[in-house]
Structure formats: structure tokens, C-alpha cells
Protein backbone atom coordinates (compact mmCIF):
# COMPACT_ATOMS: atom_id res chain seq x y z
CA UNK A 1 -21.10 8.44 11.54
CA UNK A 2 -20.16 4.96 12.71
CA UNK A 3 -17.36 2.74 11.53
CA UNK A 4 -18.64 -0.48 10.01
CA UNK A 5 -16.72 -3.68 9.35
CA UNK A 6 -17.02 -3.36 5.55
CA UNK A 7 -15.86 0.26 5.74
CA UNK A 8 -12.87 -0.70 7.85
CA UNK A 9 -12.01 -3.54 5.47
CA UNK A 10 -12.12 -1.24 2.45
CA UNK A 11 -10.01 1.40 4.22
CA UNK A 12 -7.44 -1.21 5.23
CA UNK A 13 -7.23 -2.62 1.71
CA UNK A 14 -6.81 0.85 0.21
CA UNK A 15 -4.04 1.68 2.71
CA UNK A 16 -2.27 -1.63 2.00
CA UNK A 17 -2.54 -1.01 -1.74
CA UNK A 18 -1.09 2.48 -1.50
CA UNK A 19 1.82 1.30 0.64
CA UNK A 20 2.42 -1.67 -1.64
CA UNK A 21 2.51 0.49 -4.76
CA UNK A 22 4.60 3.25 -3.17
CA UNK A 23 7.23 1.03 -1.56
CA UNK A 24 7.03 -2.19 -3.54
CA UNK A 25 5.60 -5.48 -2.30
CA UNK A 26 8.28 -6.70 0.15
CA UNK A 27 9.12 -3.36 1.75
CA UNK A 28 5.52 -2.20 1.67
CA UNK A 29 4.44 -5.33 3.54
CA UNK A 30 7.02 -4.69 6.26
CA UNK A 31 5.97 -1.05 6.66
CA UNK A 32 2.29 -2.01 6.70
CA UNK A 33 2.95 -4.67 9.36
CA UNK A 34 4.82 -2.13 11.52
CA UNK A 35 1.94 0.34 11.18
CA UNK A 36 -0.61 -2.33 12.18
CA UNK A 37 1.52 -3.35 15.17
CA UNK A 38 1.76 0.26 16.37
CA UNK A 39 -1.99 0.78 15.91
CA UNK A 40 -2.83 -2.35 17.89
CA UNK A 41 -0.32 -1.72 20.69
CA UNK A 42 -1.20 1.93 21.23
CA UNK A 43 -4.93 1.39 20.72
CA UNK A 44 -5.08 -1.42 23.26
CA UNK A 45 -2.95 0.56 25.68
CA UNK A 46 -5.18 3.62 25.40
CA UNK A 47 -8.30 1.51 25.80
CA UNK A 48 -6.88 -0.06 28.94
CA UNK A 49 -5.53 3.16 30.49
CA UNK A 50 -8.26 5.59 29.43
CA UNK A 51 -11.12 3.14 29.06
CA UNK A 52 -11.59 4.10 25.41
CA UNK A 53 -10.29 6.41 22.74
CA UNK A 54 -10.81 10.10 22.11
CA UNK A 55 -10.15 12.42 19.20
CA UNK A 56 -6.82 13.42 20.72
CA UNK A 57 -5.78 9.79 21.05
CA UNK A 58 -6.66 9.18 17.40
CA UNK A 59 -4.38 12.08 16.47
CA UNK A 60 -1.59 10.71 18.67
CA UNK A 61 -1.90 7.26 17.11
CA UNK A 62 -1.81 8.85 13.66
CA UNK A 63 1.47 10.63 14.45
CA UNK A 64 3.02 7.53 16.02
CA UNK A 65 2.15 5.44 12.97
CA UNK A 66 3.56 8.14 10.71
CA UNK A 67 6.83 8.30 12.65
CA UNK A 68 7.18 4.53 12.86
CA UNK A 69 6.58 4.22 9.13
CA UNK A 70 9.23 6.86 8.41
CA UNK A 71 11.67 5.05 10.72
CA UNK A 72 10.92 1.74 9.06
CA UNK A 73 11.39 3.22 5.60
CA UNK A 74 14.70 4.79 6.65
CA UNK A 75 15.91 1.46 8.05
CA UNK A 76 14.88 -0.39 4.89
CA UNK A 77 16.39 2.09 2.43
CA UNK A 78 19.60 3.16 4.18
């Protein structure tokens, strides 16, 4: 199974919609931007260091995005 550009676009829009509904438009946009920044930074770093990504690196990115989103939500709501 390969990732296609339309599939990635749909997945991104669904994720943005869920975050926007769950957190509200302004806070959801901030959390979504933080998640995208973490994905890009870690993904580019892994690609440079490892020469690509593996299943374990996908899992690590998932956990880092989850933790950064929790931290962002805590900062916004406390």
C-alpha cells in the first residue's frame, strides 16, 4: 500500500477537522500547527540521520506528536 497525494490530503483535512472541532478554531489551529512542526522537524531529521524512515520511527514520531499536542493543550488551557 502506497501513500498517494490525494490520500495524504484527505488524511490531513480529517485530522485538522477533528482537532478544530475538539479544541475550537483558534486553539485547534495552534495545536495542529505544533503537530505539523514536530512531524516536519523529526521526519526531516530522521531522513537525514537514517537515510529514510522505518516503522519504529513512525511510532516514535506518533508519540512525539501526541506528547507535544498534550503539552500545547495544557499550555493553552491552564
